[in-house]
Amino acid sequence: MYDAIVIGARCAGSPTAMLLARKGYRVLLLDKATFPSDVISTHVIWPHGCEVLDRWGLLTTLEETGAPAIGLNMTFDVGPFALKGGALDRNGGRGGLCPRRTVLDKLLVDAAVMSGAEVREAFTTEELIWDSHRVIGIRGHARGGGTVEERASIVIGADGVHSLVANAVDAPEYNAIPALVTFFYSYFSGIDIDDIEQYVRPHEGAAYFPTNDGLTLVAACWPSARFQEIRADIEANFRKVHAAVPGLAERLDGARREEDWRGIAGVPNFFRKPHGPGWALVGDAGYCKDPLTAQGIVDSFHDAENLVAAIDAGFSGKQPLDEALGAYEVRRNERVTPLYYFTTDLAKLEPPPPEMQQLFAAMRGNQAAINQFFSAICGASSLPAFMAPENLGRIMATAQGAQALA
């Protein structure tokens, strides 16, 4: 009998298992994959996510893998000009990291093992076990093995968008928005880049993410409705996007693609109720949005910390478990909702509305405001505080003052 069974051992599951094990709970962590292994991802850990890794004692280890620093001198270009700056107000101004998932996920799984969690790789969870209306365990099998059953006080789904746990418990969805963007990407050598670059044009976009081994993840995106068309000739469509931004086609011509194309038709946007009798959800299983703002990994880290705090409060008797898990849902929603709607608006790939164009124009030459903007859109600081009328008024007034002196 385990205190917790966690299904899914990537960015949400391994930290959840690790933190529970560090508190002395008996934890079983399951995943159908083996590690290291890859998964479709933006790779980005923003500076405030690195602060979480530092709390866990894992940041230095990840830095030593050669994952490049990001978030200090980013480019955000929606035309006709680009903003350049960074989220300098978190992680001691050292920025974030952009590791390959083969590197990051293996590090997190190893940390869970070192903390005392039992890990079973290559294990397929087939179904949940119920006692009346309460989840009490799982049934599944190792690769090539027979079916086994395991019991626990709580079963946690950290198994992504198509979560077996969420589907089995029929977790209610709310504030759902259909998939908006289709992505394709690969890894290129020979690209001179020192930070993340994003280029958004009407109904398409391109992005560059420096990652391990001197490689750059180069991505392009289009409305999800074009998925089949784009997939029919990825290379040609990819190059059309880069040709639409001055200088990008030439950069791509001088680079070499090192791996196969990877892509998705689109990512659904939703909130799910993340708890019920004997079960909980963490990471993308409980809340998901378009990867255009690259929030998934950091969201998973915060979710893991908050879920573990709630479970510990319930198991230790400090608070009724249902009440603690309800508070976990409220905290999650308060934290992520502003960026959820900012992201889904951006993912429409439409020209910025006039008021946003005015804001971008007003920020030109105001590096402090640009850095505030980057900090807000990567989730390192409050987006509502940045967008508050009084703050926008200050930015506009500064721009008007500069124009008057020119």
Protein backbone atom coordinates (compact mmCIF):
# COMPACT_ATOMS: atom_id res chain seq x y z
CA MET A 1 0.00 0.00 0.00
CA TYR A 2 1.41 3.35 -1.11
CA ASP A 3 0.55 6.79 0.13
CA ALA A 4 0.49 8.04 -3.47
CA ILE A 5 0.76 6.61 -6.96
CA VAL A 6 1.82 9.13 -9.61
CA ILE A 7 1.11 8.27 -13.25
CA GLY A 8 3.47 10.11 -15.57
CA ALA A 9 7.12 10.86 -14.78
CA ARG A 10 7.95 13.98 -16.73
CA CYS A 11 7.86 17.65 -15.66
CA ALA A 12 4.82 17.38 -13.42
CA GLY A 13 4.98 13.78 -12.20
CA SER A 14 8.60 13.39 -11.17
CA PRO A 15 8.65 16.61 -9.10
CA THR A 16 5.38 15.60 -7.42
CA ALA A 17 6.80 12.18 -6.53
CA MET A 18 10.10 13.71 -5.42
CA LEU A 19 8.49 16.27 -3.12
CA LEU A 20 6.10 13.75 -1.59
CA ALA A 21 8.96 11.32 -0.98
CA ARG A 22 11.02 14.07 0.64
CA LYS A 23 8.18 14.53 3.12
CA GLY A 24 8.41 10.87 4.04
CA TYR A 25 5.51 9.48 2.04
CA ARG A 26 5.69 6.15 0.24
CA VAL A 27 5.37 6.96 -3.45
CA LEU A 28 5.14 4.87 -6.63
CA LEU A 29 5.96 6.72 -9.87
CA LEU A 30 4.91 5.10 -13.16
CA ASP A 31 5.56 5.91 -16.79
CA LYS A 32 5.11 4.01 -20.05
CA ALA A 33 8.36 5.58 -21.33
CA THR A 34 11.94 4.89 -20.32
CA PHE A 35 14.40 7.67 -19.55
CA PRO A 36 16.13 9.45 -21.13
CA SER A 37 13.54 9.85 -23.88
CA ASP A 38 12.19 12.76 -25.87
CA VAL A 39 8.79 14.42 -26.05
CA ILE A 40 7.34 17.35 -28.01
CA SER A 41 8.08 20.48 -26.01
CA THR A 42 9.02 24.15 -26.13
CA HIS A 43 11.92 23.29 -23.72
CA VAL A 44 11.66 26.64 -21.92
CA ILE A 45 12.13 27.05 -18.17
CA TRP A 46 11.60 30.73 -17.46
CA PRO A 47 13.66 32.47 -14.73
CA HIS A 48 11.01 31.96 -12.06
CA GLY A 49 10.97 28.25 -12.95
CA CYS A 50 14.71 28.14 -12.32
CA GLU A 51 14.03 29.58 -8.88
CA VAL A 52 11.85 26.53 -8.23
CA LEU A 53 14.61 24.19 -9.40
CA ASP A 54 16.99 26.02 -7.09
CA ARG A 55 14.66 25.43 -4.14
CA TRP A 56 14.70 21.75 -5.01
CA GLY A 57 18.50 21.68 -5.21
CA LEU A 58 18.50 20.80 -8.92
CA LEU A 59 19.39 24.04 -10.70
CA THR A 60 23.17 23.67 -10.58
CA THR A 61 22.95 20.11 -11.88
CA LEU A 62 20.86 21.25 -14.83
CA GLU A 63 23.16 24.19 -15.55
CA GLU A 64 26.10 21.77 -15.66
CA THR A 65 24.50 19.88 -18.55
CA GLY A 66 25.23 22.86 -20.79
CA ALA A 67 21.63 24.04 -21.12
CA PRO A 68 21.99 27.63 -22.36
CA ALA A 69 20.67 30.60 -20.41
CA ILE A 70 17.64 32.34 -21.90
CA GLY A 71 15.25 35.14 -21.00
CA LEU A 72 17.84 37.92 -20.78
CA ASN A 73 17.92 39.36 -24.31
CA MET A 74 14.86 38.00 -26.07
CA THR A 75 13.31 39.22 -29.30
CA PHE A 76 9.54 39.59 -29.67
CA ASP A 77 8.61 40.79 -33.14
CA VAL A 78 5.01 41.28 -34.20
CA GLY A 79 5.94 43.77 -36.95
CA PRO A 80 6.75 46.44 -37.94
CA PHE A 81 9.48 46.44 -35.28
CA ALA A 82 10.91 44.14 -32.63
CA LEU A 83 11.13 44.51 -28.86
CA LYS A 84 14.33 43.22 -27.25
CA GLY A 85 14.75 42.65 -23.55
CA GLY A 86 14.48 40.16 -20.76
CA ALA A 87 12.93 39.06 -17.50
CA LEU A 88 15.74 40.41 -15.35
CA ASP A 89 13.81 40.61 -12.08
CA ARG A 90 13.91 36.91 -11.18
CA ASN A 91 16.54 34.22 -10.53
CA GLY A 92 19.09 36.85 -9.59
CA GLY A 93 19.13 38.20 -13.12
CA ARG A 94 20.66 34.95 -14.42
CA GLY A 95 17.76 34.16 -16.73
CA GLY A 96 16.16 30.81 -17.40
CA LEU A 97 17.23 27.63 -19.19
CA CYS A 98 16.23 25.85 -22.38
CA PRO A 99 17.24 22.17 -21.98
CA ARG A 100 16.44 19.21 -24.21
CA ARG A 101 13.75 17.08 -22.63
CA THR A 102 16.05 14.06 -22.81
CA VAL A 103 18.21 15.96 -20.33
CA LEU A 104 15.58 17.59 -18.11
CA ASP A 105 13.21 14.66 -17.69
CA LYS A 106 16.01 12.21 -16.86
CA LEU A 107 17.31 14.64 -14.24
CA LEU A 108 13.84 14.90 -12.66
CA VAL A 109 13.28 11.13 -12.64
CA ASP A 110 16.68 10.58 -11.02
CA ALA A 111 15.85 13.22 -8.39
CA ALA A 112 12.62 11.38 -7.56
CA VAL A 113 14.55 8.13 -7.13
CA MET A 114 17.20 9.78 -4.96
CA SER A 115 14.43 11.23 -2.78
CA GLY A 116 13.02 7.77 -2.10
CA ALA A 117 10.25 7.34 -4.66
CA GLU A 118 9.89 3.93 -6.32
CA VAL A 119 10.00 4.35 -10.10
CA ARG A 120 8.75 1.86 -12.68
CA GLU A 121 9.62 2.77 -16.24
CA ALA A 122 8.10 1.05 -19.28
CA PHE A 123 4.93 0.51 -17.23
CA THR A 124 1.51 0.93 -18.83
CA THR A 125 -1.37 1.87 -16.55
CA GLU A 126 -4.47 0.17 -17.90
CA GLU A 127 -7.19 1.42 -15.56
CA LEU A 128 -8.02 2.74 -12.13
CA ILE A 129 -9.33 0.58 -9.30
CA TRP A 130 -12.41 1.85 -7.49
CA ASP A 131 -14.13 1.26 -4.18
CA SER A 132 -17.62 2.57 -4.80
CA HIS A 133 -17.07 6.20 -5.89
CA ARG A 134 -13.46 6.46 -4.64
CA VAL A 135 -10.24 5.69 -6.54
CA ILE A 136 -8.07 3.32 -4.51
CA GLY A 137 -5.38 2.17 -6.94
CA ILE A 138 -4.32 1.21 -10.44
CA ARG A 139 -4.09 -1.84 -12.62
CA GLY A 140 -1.36 -2.16 -15.25
CA HIS A 141 1.62 -4.06 -16.57
CA ALA A 142 5.32 -3.70 -17.18
CA ARG A 143 6.59 -4.18 -20.73
CA GLY A 144 6.25 -7.87 -21.48
CA GLY A 145 4.84 -8.60 -18.01
CA GLY A 146 1.53 -9.64 -16.56
CA THR A 147 -1.11 -7.40 -15.05
CA VAL A 148 -0.50 -6.16 -11.51
CA GLU A 149 -2.53 -4.10 -9.08
CA GLU A 150 -1.26 -1.42 -6.70
CA ARG A 151 -3.19 0.49 -4.04
CA ALA A 152 -2.71 3.99 -2.68
CA SER A 153 -4.42 6.66 -0.61
CA ILE A 154 -4.36 8.93 -3.66
CA VAL A 155 -3.72 8.38 -7.38
CA ILE A 156 -2.27 11.39 -9.17
CA GLY A 157 -2.58 11.89 -12.90
CA ALA A 158 0.51 13.62 -14.28
CA ASP A 159 -0.08 11.99 -17.63
CA GLY A 160 -0.67 14.97 -19.87
CA VAL A 161 -3.45 16.36 -22.03
CA HIS A 162 -4.96 12.95 -22.77
CA SER A 163 -4.74 11.86 -19.15
CA LEU A 164 -6.00 8.36 -18.38
CA VAL A 165 -6.82 9.51 -14.86
CA ALA A 166 -8.78 12.57 -16.03
CA ASN A 167 -10.73 10.46 -18.52
CA ALA A 168 -11.42 7.67 -16.02
CA VAL A 169 -12.81 10.01 -13.36
CA ASP A 170 -14.56 12.17 -15.98
CA ALA A 171 -12.89 15.29 -14.60
CA PRO A 172 -15.07 18.29 -15.49
CA GLU A 173 -13.58 20.76 -17.99
CA TYR A 174 -14.27 24.48 -17.98
CA ASN A 175 -13.18 27.65 -19.81
CA ALA A 176 -12.23 25.39 -22.71
CA ILE A 177 -11.05 26.82 -26.03
CA PRO A 178 -10.37 24.54 -29.03
CA ALA A 179 -6.85 24.06 -30.36
CA LEU A 180 -5.70 27.17 -32.21
CA VAL A 181 -2.21 26.61 -33.59
CA THR A 182 -0.34 23.82 -35.34
CA PHE A 183 3.43 23.64 -34.81
CA PHE A 184 6.32 21.97 -36.55
CA TYR A 185 9.94 22.18 -35.45
CA SER A 186 13.35 20.59 -35.68
CA TYR A 187 16.88 21.12 -34.37
CA PHE A 188 19.43 23.06 -36.41
CA SER A 189 23.17 23.60 -36.12
CA GLY A 190 25.00 26.63 -37.44
CA ILE A 191 22.60 29.28 -36.12
CA ASP A 192 24.16 32.22 -34.26
CA ILE A 193 21.71 32.95 -31.46
CA ASP A 194 22.02 33.99 -27.83
CA ASP A 195 18.40 33.95 -26.66
CA ILE A 196 14.82 33.18 -27.59
CA GLU A 197 13.44 34.92 -30.67
CA GLN A 198 9.76 35.01 -31.63
CA TYR A 199 8.28 36.42 -34.83
CA VAL A 200 4.49 36.64 -35.15
CA ARG A 201 2.89 37.56 -38.44
CA PRO A 202 -0.76 37.39 -39.53
CA HIS A 203 -1.76 33.73 -39.41
CA GLU A 204 1.79 32.38 -39.02
CA GLY A 205 4.87 32.68 -36.86
CA ALA A 206 8.45 31.52 -36.30
CA ALA A 207 10.53 31.01 -33.18
CA TYR A 208 14.11 30.16 -32.20
CA PHE A 209 15.08 28.46 -28.94
CA PRO A 210 18.78 27.77 -28.18
CA THR A 211 19.20 24.40 -26.49
CA ASN A 212 21.84 21.79 -25.58
CA ASP A 213 24.79 20.72 -27.73
CA GLY A 214 24.96 23.95 -29.71
CA LEU A 215 21.60 23.25 -31.37
CA THR A 216 18.69 25.61 -31.91
CA LEU A 217 15.09 24.50 -31.90
CA VAL A 218 13.55 26.31 -34.86
CA ALA A 219 9.76 26.28 -34.99
CA ALA A 220 6.99 27.59 -37.20
CA CYS A 221 3.27 27.78 -36.55
CA TRP A 222 0.00 28.26 -38.40
CA PRO A 223 -3.73 28.04 -37.58
CA SER A 224 -4.66 24.49 -36.60
CA ALA A 225 -7.09 24.26 -39.52
CA ARG A 226 -4.06 24.14 -41.84
CA PHE A 227 -2.44 21.11 -40.20
CA GLN A 228 -2.99 18.65 -43.07
CA GLU A 229 -1.87 21.18 -45.66
CA ILE A 230 1.29 22.07 -43.73
CA ARG A 231 2.15 18.43 -43.03
CA ALA A 232 1.94 17.61 -46.74
CA ASP A 233 5.10 19.68 -47.35
CA ILE A 234 6.63 20.78 -44.05
CA GLU A 235 9.90 22.02 -45.53
CA ALA A 236 8.32 24.31 -48.12
CA ASN A 237 5.76 25.75 -45.72
CA PHE A 238 8.42 26.23 -43.05
CA ARG A 239 10.57 28.22 -45.46
CA LYS A 240 7.61 30.38 -46.54
CA VAL A 241 7.18 31.54 -42.97
CA HIS A 242 10.86 32.42 -42.68
CA ALA A 243 10.79 34.23 -46.00
CA ALA A 244 8.09 36.55 -44.62
CA VAL A 245 10.49 38.04 -42.04
CA PRO A 246 13.57 39.89 -43.34
CA GLY A 247 16.77 38.01 -42.56
CA LEU A 248 15.24 34.74 -41.40
CA ALA A 249 15.39 32.91 -44.73
CA GLU A 250 19.11 33.72 -45.04
CA ARG A 251 19.72 32.50 -41.50
CA LEU A 252 17.98 29.21 -42.28
CA ASP A 253 19.97 28.85 -45.52
CA GLY A 254 23.18 28.97 -43.50
CA ALA A 255 22.04 26.33 -41.01
CA ARG A 256 21.76 22.54 -41.11
CA ARG A 257 18.79 20.53 -39.90
CA GLU A 258 20.09 17.75 -37.63
CA GLU A 259 16.93 15.81 -36.75
CA ASP A 260 13.53 14.85 -38.16
CA TRP A 261 10.58 17.21 -38.13
CA ARG A 262 8.27 17.04 -35.12
CA GLY A 263 4.83 18.56 -34.92
CA ILE A 264 1.33 18.61 -33.54
CA ALA A 265 -2.04 19.47 -35.01
CA GLY A 266 -2.79 21.66 -32.01
CA VAL A 267 -3.06 21.75 -28.24
CA PRO A 268 -6.49 22.07 -26.61
CA ASN A 269 -6.92 24.84 -24.07
CA PHE A 270 -8.79 23.92 -20.89
CA PHE A 271 -9.05 23.85 -17.13
CA ARG A 272 -10.08 20.60 -15.45
CA LYS A 273 -11.24 20.11 -11.91
CA PRO A 274 -7.99 18.65 -10.54
CA HIS A 275 -9.22 16.60 -7.60
CA GLY A 276 -11.87 14.22 -6.35
CA PRO A 277 -12.26 11.21 -4.06
CA GLY A 278 -8.92 9.42 -4.12
CA TRP A 279 -7.50 11.25 -7.14
CA ALA A 280 -5.79 14.46 -8.25
CA LEU A 281 -4.39 15.96 -11.44
CA VAL A 282 -1.17 17.91 -11.91
CA GLY A 283 0.44 19.67 -14.88
CA ASP A 284 -1.12 19.40 -18.34
CA ALA A 285 -3.53 16.75 -17.09
CA GLY A 286 -5.31 19.42 -15.07
CA TYR A 287 -4.72 22.59 -17.03
CA CYS A 288 -3.37 23.20 -20.51
CA LYS A 289 -2.92 26.07 -22.93
CA ASP A 290 -1.30 26.69 -26.29
CA PRO A 291 2.52 26.47 -26.11
CA LEU A 292 2.97 29.84 -27.84
CA THR A 293 4.04 31.45 -24.53
CA ALA A 294 5.96 28.34 -23.40
CA GLN A 295 4.45 28.11 -19.91
CA GLY A 296 3.98 24.34 -19.61
CA ILE A 297 7.15 23.32 -17.77
CA VAL A 298 7.05 26.14 -15.23
CA ASP A 299 3.32 25.63 -14.66
CA SER A 300 4.03 21.97 -13.94
CA PHE A 301 6.69 22.88 -11.38
CA HIS A 302 4.35 25.24 -9.53
CA ASP A 303 1.51 22.73 -9.72
CA ALA A 304 3.71 20.03 -8.21
CA GLU A 305 4.68 22.21 -5.26
CA ASN A 306 1.11 23.33 -4.60
CA LEU A 307 -0.41 19.86 -4.97
CA VAL A 308 2.14 18.31 -2.61
CA ALA A 309 1.47 21.04 -0.04
CA ALA A 310 -2.27 20.29 -0.26
CA ILE A 311 -1.82 16.52 0.01
CA ASP A 312 0.53 16.92 2.96
CA ALA A 313 -1.94 19.23 4.70
CA GLY A 314 -4.66 16.61 4.23
CA PHE A 315 -2.62 13.53 5.13
CA SER A 316 -1.10 15.18 8.21
CA GLY A 317 -4.48 16.28 9.54
CA LYS A 318 -3.74 19.99 9.33
CA GLN A 319 -6.71 20.47 7.01
CA PRO A 320 -9.42 18.24 5.52
CA LEU A 321 -7.97 16.80 2.31
CA ASP A 322 -10.92 17.84 0.13
CA GLU A 323 -10.65 21.38 1.46
CA ALA A 324 -6.89 21.50 0.86
CA LEU A 325 -7.29 20.19 -2.69
CA GLY A 326 -10.03 22.72 -3.36
CA ALA A 327 -7.62 25.48 -2.30
CA TYR A 328 -5.02 23.99 -4.65
CA GLU A 329 -7.43 24.45 -7.55
CA VAL A 330 -8.21 28.03 -6.56
CA ARG A 331 -4.52 28.96 -6.27
CA ARG A 332 -3.78 27.38 -9.64
CA ASN A 333 -6.55 29.28 -11.36
CA GLU A 334 -5.64 32.60 -9.78
CA ARG A 335 -2.04 32.17 -10.91
CA VAL A 336 -2.58 31.05 -14.50
CA THR A 337 -5.85 32.62 -15.72
CA PRO A 338 -4.46 35.98 -16.94
CA LEU A 339 -1.78 34.30 -19.08
CA TYR A 340 -4.28 31.71 -20.25
CA TYR A 341 -6.36 34.35 -22.00
CA PHE A 342 -3.34 36.36 -23.14
CA THR A 343 -1.93 33.19 -24.72
CA THR A 344 -5.14 32.12 -26.42
CA ASP A 345 -5.58 35.64 -27.83
CA LEU A 346 -1.99 35.60 -29.15
CA ALA A 347 -2.53 32.12 -30.58
CA LYS A 348 -5.22 33.45 -32.91
CA LEU A 349 -2.23 34.73 -34.92
CA GLU A 350 -4.08 37.93 -35.77
CA PRO A 351 -2.51 41.40 -36.06
CA PRO A 352 -2.26 43.12 -32.67
CA PRO A 353 -5.30 45.30 -31.93
CA PRO A 354 -4.74 49.07 -32.14
CA GLU A 355 -4.30 49.51 -28.39
CA MET A 356 -1.58 46.84 -28.32
CA GLN A 357 0.17 48.42 -31.30
CA GLN A 358 0.11 51.74 -29.44
CA LEU A 359 1.63 50.08 -26.38
CA PHE A 360 4.42 48.47 -28.40
CA ALA A 361 5.18 51.81 -30.06
CA ALA A 362 5.23 53.56 -26.67
CA MET A 363 7.69 51.01 -25.26
CA ARG A 364 10.28 51.61 -27.98
CA GLY A 365 13.33 53.13 -26.34
CA ASN A 366 11.96 52.48 -22.83
CA GLN A 367 14.05 49.49 -21.80
CA ALA A 368 12.60 49.33 -18.29
CA ALA A 369 9.08 49.02 -19.72
CA ILE A 370 10.21 46.44 -22.28
CA ASN A 371 11.76 44.33 -19.52
CA GLN A 372 8.56 44.63 -17.48
CA PHE A 373 6.61 43.43 -20.52
CA PHE A 374 8.86 40.41 -21.03
CA SER A 375 8.68 39.55 -17.34
CA ALA A 376 4.89 39.70 -17.46
CA ILE A 377 4.36 37.64 -20.62
CA CYS A 378 6.69 34.87 -19.46
CA GLY A 379 4.87 34.68 -16.12
CA ALA A 380 7.75 35.92 -13.96
CA SER A 381 5.71 38.89 -12.78
CA SER A 382 2.05 39.84 -12.75
CA LEU A 383 0.49 40.34 -16.19
CA PRO A 384 -2.58 42.14 -14.71
CA ALA A 385 -0.23 44.53 -12.87
CA PHE A 386 1.62 45.30 -16.09
CA MET A 387 -1.63 45.81 -18.01
CA ALA A 388 -3.21 47.94 -15.25
CA PRO A 389 -4.37 51.33 -16.59
CA GLU A 390 -2.07 53.25 -14.27
CA ASN A 391 1.01 51.32 -15.45
CA LEU A 392 0.11 51.65 -19.12
CA GLY A 393 -0.57 55.33 -18.50
CA ARG A 394 2.94 55.77 -17.15
CA ILE A 395 4.44 54.06 -20.20
CA MET A 396 2.39 56.25 -22.56
CA ALA A 397 3.29 59.41 -20.64
CA THR A 398 7.00 58.53 -20.80
CA ALA A 399 6.74 58.04 -24.56
CA GLN A 400 4.93 61.34 -25.01
CA GLY A 401 7.56 63.11 -22.91
CA ALA A 402 10.34 61.64 -25.01
CA GLN A 403 8.61 62.77 -28.19
CA ALA A 404 8.20 66.29 -26.82
CA LEU A 405 11.94 66.50 -26.10
CA ALA A 406 12.93 65.09 -29.49
